Amino acid sequence: MVKNAPYRFSDFQYIRLEYGEGDSLVNKYNSKTGDYQYLDSRDKLVKTNLKITRDEMLYLHRKAADLGFWNFPEVEENSAFKSTGQKSPHYLIEFAYKKKTKKVLFDAAYDGDPQLKDANNLLIKAIQKVLEERESQLGK
């Protein structure tokens, strides 16, 4: 990675992921506080505290860089789908650094560039995988 890149790991502070159907982003994770809440398979809200390691943060920082997250548009929605009243999963992805923060709102029904949609999905899956692995390591 270029040393003068706008988002350096040495300035990295936290990741925030929120997701849910439509505008209801009930599932949330914040790496700064460790606050993690999600709906389980029985639609029960689970709240826990889950800290990820520095290595996991570095992995996610690099994954975001590899996928070009810094160049993603801030809002990626399917307005035609939304106007029909249908709800699709929405994701709010935020990477915060000392002087800059990148935040993207992604609609799973996004009908724009397929490569951009794939990159969003890959980043979301990477974050969720880190959280799932961390949670299983802690035996929860």
Protein backbone atom coordinates (compact mmCIF):
# COMPACT_ATOMS: atom_id res chain seq x y z
CA MET A 1 0.00 0.00 0.00
CA VAL A 2 1.21 3.48 -0.78
CA LYS A 3 2.59 5.30 2.27
CA ASN A 4 0.63 8.47 1.63
CA ALA A 5 -2.69 6.70 1.06
CA PRO A 6 -5.62 8.64 2.55
CA TYR A 7 -6.53 5.77 4.86
CA ARG A 8 -3.49 4.37 6.69
CA PHE A 9 -3.71 1.49 9.14
CA SER A 10 -1.68 3.49 11.68
CA ASP A 11 -4.60 5.97 11.77
CA PHE A 12 -7.29 3.27 11.89
CA GLN A 13 -9.70 3.62 14.81
CA TYR A 14 -12.74 1.41 14.30
CA ILE A 15 -15.16 -0.41 12.03
CA ARG A 16 -18.90 -0.12 12.30
CA LEU A 17 -21.34 -2.43 10.53
CA GLU A 18 -25.11 -2.14 10.75
CA TYR A 19 -27.58 -4.15 8.73
CA GLY A 20 -31.18 -5.22 8.48
CA GLU A 21 -34.28 -5.21 6.30
CA GLY A 22 -35.14 -1.85 4.76
CA ASP A 23 -34.43 1.05 7.08
CA SER A 24 -34.37 -1.14 10.20
CA LEU A 25 -30.67 -1.68 10.84
CA VAL A 26 -31.17 -3.70 14.03
CA ASN A 27 -27.99 -5.81 13.65
CA LYS A 28 -24.98 -3.74 14.74
CA TYR A 29 -21.28 -4.05 15.48
CA ASN A 30 -18.80 -1.37 16.57
CA SER A 31 -15.17 -2.46 16.99
CA LYS A 32 -14.36 0.60 19.13
CA THR A 33 -16.82 -0.32 21.88
CA GLY A 34 -17.16 -4.04 21.09
CA ASP A 35 -20.94 -3.64 21.20
CA TYR A 36 -22.50 -6.35 19.06
CA GLN A 37 -26.18 -7.04 18.65
CA TYR A 38 -27.94 -9.22 16.13
CA LEU A 39 -31.12 -11.18 15.55
CA ASP A 40 -30.52 -14.91 15.92
CA SER A 41 -32.26 -17.63 13.90
CA ARG A 42 -35.32 -17.35 16.18
CA ASP A 43 -35.54 -13.55 15.73
CA LYS A 44 -34.34 -13.03 19.29
CA LEU A 45 -32.13 -9.97 19.79
CA VAL A 46 -28.74 -11.05 21.14
CA LYS A 47 -26.53 -8.39 22.75
CA THR A 48 -22.92 -9.08 23.61
CA ASN A 49 -19.50 -7.46 23.74
CA LEU A 50 -17.05 -8.72 21.16
CA LYS A 51 -13.59 -7.23 20.68
CA ILE A 52 -11.66 -8.11 17.55
CA THR A 53 -7.88 -8.28 17.53
CA ARG A 54 -5.47 -5.85 15.92
CA ASP A 55 -4.61 -8.54 13.35
CA GLU A 56 -8.29 -8.90 12.47
CA MET A 57 -8.57 -5.12 12.13
CA LEU A 58 -5.52 -5.13 9.84
CA TYR A 59 -7.04 -7.93 7.76
CA LEU A 60 -10.29 -5.96 7.32
CA HIS A 61 -8.42 -2.72 6.58
CA ARG A 62 -6.43 -4.50 3.85
CA LYS A 63 -9.53 -6.25 2.51
CA ALA A 64 -11.28 -2.88 2.19
CA ALA A 65 -8.24 -1.44 0.42
CA ASP A 66 -8.00 -4.43 -1.96
CA LEU A 67 -11.69 -4.08 -2.87
CA GLY A 68 -11.41 -0.32 -3.43
CA PHE A 69 -13.75 0.61 -0.57
CA TRP A 70 -12.36 4.16 -0.44
CA ASN A 71 -13.76 4.74 -3.95
CA PHE A 72 -17.25 3.32 -3.32
CA PRO A 73 -20.13 5.80 -3.61
CA GLU A 74 -21.63 6.81 -0.26
CA VAL A 75 -25.10 5.50 -1.18
CA GLU A 76 -25.73 2.45 -3.34
CA GLU A 77 -29.48 1.84 -3.52
CA ASN A 78 -32.06 0.54 -5.96
CA SER A 79 -34.58 3.38 -5.99
CA ALA A 80 -36.94 1.52 -8.37
CA PHE A 81 -37.09 -1.47 -6.00
CA LYS A 82 -37.58 0.80 -3.00
CA SER A 83 -40.44 2.69 -4.67
CA THR A 84 -42.44 -0.55 -4.94
CA GLY A 85 -42.53 -0.75 -1.15
CA GLN A 86 -40.44 -3.91 -1.04
CA LYS A 87 -37.73 -4.20 1.58
CA SER A 88 -34.28 -5.53 0.87
CA PRO A 89 -31.33 -5.93 3.22
CA HIS A 90 -29.38 -2.71 3.77
CA TYR A 91 -25.85 -2.42 5.14
CA LEU A 92 -24.07 0.55 6.64
CA ILE A 93 -20.31 0.04 6.52
CA GLU A 94 -18.05 2.57 8.22
CA PHE A 95 -14.26 2.62 8.53
CA ALA A 96 -13.09 5.42 10.84
CA TYR A 97 -9.59 6.87 10.92
CA LYS A 98 -8.07 9.74 12.90
CA LYS A 99 -8.78 12.39 10.27
CA LYS A 100 -11.15 10.70 7.83
CA THR A 101 -14.14 8.41 7.91
CA LYS A 102 -15.56 6.45 5.00
CA LYS A 103 -19.21 5.44 5.28
CA VAL A 104 -21.23 3.51 2.68
CA LEU A 105 -24.93 2.63 2.70
CA PHE A 106 -25.39 -0.45 0.52
CA ASP A 107 -28.71 -1.95 -0.61
CA ALA A 108 -28.52 -5.69 -1.40
CA ALA A 109 -30.94 -5.00 -4.29
CA TYR A 110 -28.48 -2.47 -5.77
CA ASP A 111 -28.84 -2.55 -9.55
CA GLY A 112 -25.72 -0.60 -10.47
CA ASP A 113 -22.26 -1.85 -11.44
CA PRO A 114 -22.11 -5.63 -10.77
CA GLN A 115 -18.42 -5.41 -9.80
CA LEU A 116 -19.22 -2.77 -7.20
CA LYS A 117 -22.06 -4.90 -5.85
CA ASP A 118 -19.72 -7.92 -5.65
CA ALA A 119 -17.05 -5.86 -3.86
CA ASN A 120 -19.59 -4.67 -1.27
CA ASN A 121 -20.80 -8.23 -0.70
CA LEU A 122 -17.24 -9.51 -0.31
CA LEU A 123 -16.40 -6.84 2.27
CA ILE A 124 -19.61 -7.49 4.23
CA LYS A 125 -18.93 -11.24 4.22
CA ALA A 126 -15.33 -10.65 5.38
CA ILE A 127 -16.51 -8.53 8.33
CA GLN A 128 -19.23 -11.02 9.25
CA LYS A 129 -16.78 -13.93 9.01
CA VAL A 130 -14.34 -12.21 11.39
CA LEU A 131 -17.18 -11.60 13.86
CA GLU A 132 -18.48 -15.18 13.61
CA GLU A 133 -15.00 -16.67 14.06
CA ARG A 134 -14.26 -14.37 16.99
CA GLU A 135 -17.54 -15.27 18.64
CA SER A 136 -16.94 -19.00 18.19
CA GLN A 137 -13.40 -18.66 19.64
CA LEU A 138 -14.91 -17.11 22.74
CA GLY A 139 -17.38 -19.99 22.99
CA LYS A 140 -20.53 -17.94 22.80
